[in-house]
């Protein structure tokens, strides 16, 4: 049986963002995300919510900024705290 962690989250409502693409062969590509978790769940499901529901593909994607963006954010916070210390 394929991993269905994303499908379980979908059925339980444990997500903030949802996107889906319907394909002509009764397959749905679903992408869901829960903010703060740092993961996207993307999976293909045949007969979504039907009697013969089947996960065809499933992937968990890390959803966080690249390191250079995190470094810039840290630098900006440090620069901002220096400015507020000067004015205080």
C-alpha atoms as a PDB file:
ATOM      1  CA  UNK A   1       0.000   0.000   0.000  1.00  0.00           C
ATOM      2  CA  UNK A   2       1.309   3.429  -0.921  1.00  0.00           C
ATOM      3  CA  UNK A   3       1.891   6.133   1.653  1.00  0.00           C
ATOM      4  CA  UNK A   4      -1.317   8.034   2.288  1.00  0.00           C
ATOM      5  CA  UNK A   5      -0.310  10.544   4.959  1.00  0.00           C
ATOM      6  CA  UNK A   6      -1.520  13.415   2.759  1.00  0.00           C
ATOM      7  CA  UNK A   7      -4.832  11.692   2.067  1.00  0.00           C
ATOM      8  CA  UNK A   8      -5.352  11.160   5.799  1.00  0.00           C
ATOM      9  CA  UNK A   9      -4.731  14.883   6.382  1.00  0.00           C
ATOM     10  CA  UNK A  10      -7.192  15.715   3.608  1.00  0.00           C
ATOM     11  CA  UNK A  11      -9.945  13.539   5.087  1.00  0.00           C
ATOM     12  CA  UNK A  12      -9.355  14.864   8.619  1.00  0.00           C
ATOM     13  CA  UNK A  13      -9.306  18.512   7.485  1.00  0.00           C
ATOM     14  CA  UNK A  14      -5.823  18.980   8.985  1.00  0.00           C
ATOM     15  CA  UNK A  15      -4.576  21.532   6.429  1.00  0.00           C
ATOM     16  CA  UNK A  16      -4.762  25.254   5.632  1.00  0.00           C
ATOM     17  CA  UNK A  17      -4.277  25.366   1.869  1.00  0.00           C
ATOM     18  CA  UNK A  18      -5.813  23.052  -0.702  1.00  0.00           C
ATOM     19  CA  UNK A  19      -5.417  22.795  -4.454  1.00  0.00           C
ATOM     20  CA  UNK A  20      -6.611  20.113  -6.842  1.00  0.00           C
ATOM     21  CA  UNK A  21      -6.499  19.287 -10.516  1.00  0.00           C
ATOM     22  CA  UNK A  22      -9.069  16.939 -12.006  1.00  0.00           C
ATOM     23  CA  UNK A  23      -7.851  14.620 -14.741  1.00  0.00           C
ATOM     24  CA  UNK A  24     -10.185  12.969 -17.262  1.00  0.00           C
ATOM     25  CA  UNK A  25      -9.628   9.407 -15.988  1.00  0.00           C
ATOM     26  CA  UNK A  26     -11.280   9.976 -12.558  1.00  0.00           C
ATOM     27  CA  UNK A  27      -7.888  10.862 -11.049  1.00  0.00           C
ATOM     28  CA  UNK A  28      -7.317  13.963  -8.938  1.00  0.00           C
ATOM     29  CA  UNK A  29      -3.947  15.550  -8.185  1.00  0.00           C
ATOM     30  CA  UNK A  30      -4.205  17.077  -4.716  1.00  0.00           C
ATOM     31  CA  UNK A  31      -1.773  19.436  -3.007  1.00  0.00           C
ATOM     32  CA  UNK A  32      -2.333  20.410   0.614  1.00  0.00           C
ATOM     33  CA  UNK A  33      -0.299  22.366   3.137  1.00  0.00           C
ATOM     34  CA  UNK A  34      -0.545  23.059   6.833  1.00  0.00           C
ATOM     35  CA  UNK A  35       1.114  26.354   7.733  1.00  0.00           C
ATOM     36  CA  UNK A  36       3.982  26.062  10.163  1.00  0.00           C
ATOM     37  CA  UNK A  37       4.573  22.408   9.382  1.00  0.00           C
ATOM     38  CA  UNK A  38       7.071  23.058   6.588  1.00  0.00           C
ATOM     39  CA  UNK A  39       5.671  20.344   4.311  1.00  0.00           C
ATOM     40  CA  UNK A  40       3.504  20.086   1.232  1.00  0.00           C
ATOM     41  CA  UNK A  41       1.673  16.858   0.480  1.00  0.00           C
ATOM     42  CA  UNK A  42       1.129  16.154  -3.203  1.00  0.00           C
ATOM     43  CA  UNK A  43      -0.618  13.008  -4.301  1.00  0.00           C
ATOM     44  CA  UNK A  44      -2.670  11.456  -7.094  1.00  0.00           C
ATOM     45  CA  UNK A  45      -5.850   9.667  -6.112  1.00  0.00           C
ATOM     46  CA  UNK A  46      -8.265   7.633  -8.202  1.00  0.00           C
ATOM     47  CA  UNK A  47     -11.934   7.815  -7.193  1.00  0.00           C
ATOM     48  CA  UNK A  48     -11.361  10.487  -4.497  1.00  0.00           C
ATOM     49  CA  UNK A  49     -13.895  10.029  -1.684  1.00  0.00           C
ATOM     50  CA  UNK A  50     -15.403   7.129  -3.586  1.00  0.00           C
ATOM     51  CA  UNK A  51     -15.856   3.484  -2.740  1.00  0.00           C
ATOM     52  CA  UNK A  52     -12.676   2.440  -4.573  1.00  0.00           C
ATOM     53  CA  UNK A  53     -10.387   5.310  -3.520  1.00  0.00           C
ATOM     54  CA  UNK A  54      -6.755   4.516  -4.325  1.00  0.00           C
ATOM     55  CA  UNK A  55      -3.546   6.528  -3.840  1.00  0.00           C
ATOM     56  CA  UNK A  56      -1.515   6.233  -7.045  1.00  0.00           C
ATOM     57  CA  UNK A  57       1.388   8.534  -6.158  1.00  0.00           C
ATOM     58  CA  UNK A  58       2.362  10.370  -2.984  1.00  0.00           C
ATOM     59  CA  UNK A  59       5.165  12.754  -2.116  1.00  0.00           C
ATOM     60  CA  UNK A  60       6.042  14.996   0.795  1.00  0.00           C
ATOM     61  CA  UNK A  61       7.871  18.166  -0.221  1.00  0.00           C
ATOM     62  CA  UNK A  62       9.907  20.294   2.175  1.00  0.00           C
ATOM     63  CA  UNK A  63       8.345  23.748   2.107  1.00  0.00           C
ATOM     64  CA  UNK A  64      10.774  26.204   3.619  1.00  0.00           C
ATOM     65  CA  UNK A  65      12.838  29.066   2.222  1.00  0.00           C
ATOM     66  CA  UNK A  66      16.307  28.300   0.867  1.00  0.00           C
ATOM     67  CA  UNK A  67      19.220  28.924   3.228  1.00  0.00           C
ATOM     68  CA  UNK A  68      20.296  32.168   1.525  1.00  0.00           C
ATOM     69  CA  UNK A  69      16.825  33.625   2.148  1.00  0.00           C
ATOM     70  CA  UNK A  70      16.935  32.539   5.801  1.00  0.00           C
ATOM     71  CA  UNK A  71      20.364  34.230   6.088  1.00  0.00           C
ATOM     72  CA  UNK A  72      18.978  37.463   4.607  1.00  0.00           C
ATOM     73  CA  UNK A  73      16.033  37.373   6.994  1.00  0.00           C
ATOM     74  CA  UNK A  74      18.379  36.913   9.954  1.00  0.00           C
ATOM     75  CA  UNK A  75      20.577  39.784   8.758  1.00  0.00           C
ATOM     76  CA  UNK A  76      17.547  42.049   8.357  1.00  0.00           C
ATOM     77  CA  UNK A  77      16.315  41.216  11.879  1.00  0.00           C
ATOM     78  CA  UNK A  78      19.754  41.936  13.321  1.00  0.00           C
ATOM     79  CA  UNK A  79      19.997  45.205  11.424  1.00  0.00           C
ATOM     80  CA  UNK A  80      16.520  46.185  12.620  1.00  0.00           C
ATOM     81  CA  UNK A  81      17.375  45.462  16.269  1.00  0.00           C
ATOM     82  CA  UNK A  82      20.529  47.623  15.996  1.00  0.00           C
ATOM     83  CA  UNK A  83      18.458  50.506  14.624  1.00  0.00           C
ATOM     84  CA  UNK A  84      15.881  50.206  17.409  1.00  0.00           C
ATOM     85  CA  UNK A  85      18.662  50.113  20.051  1.00  0.00           C
ATOM     86  CA  UNK A  86      20.076  53.385  18.697  1.00  0.00           C
ATOM     87  CA  UNK A  87      16.698  55.103  18.853  1.00  0.00           C
ATOM     88  CA  UNK A  88      15.862  53.727  22.321  1.00  0.00           C
END
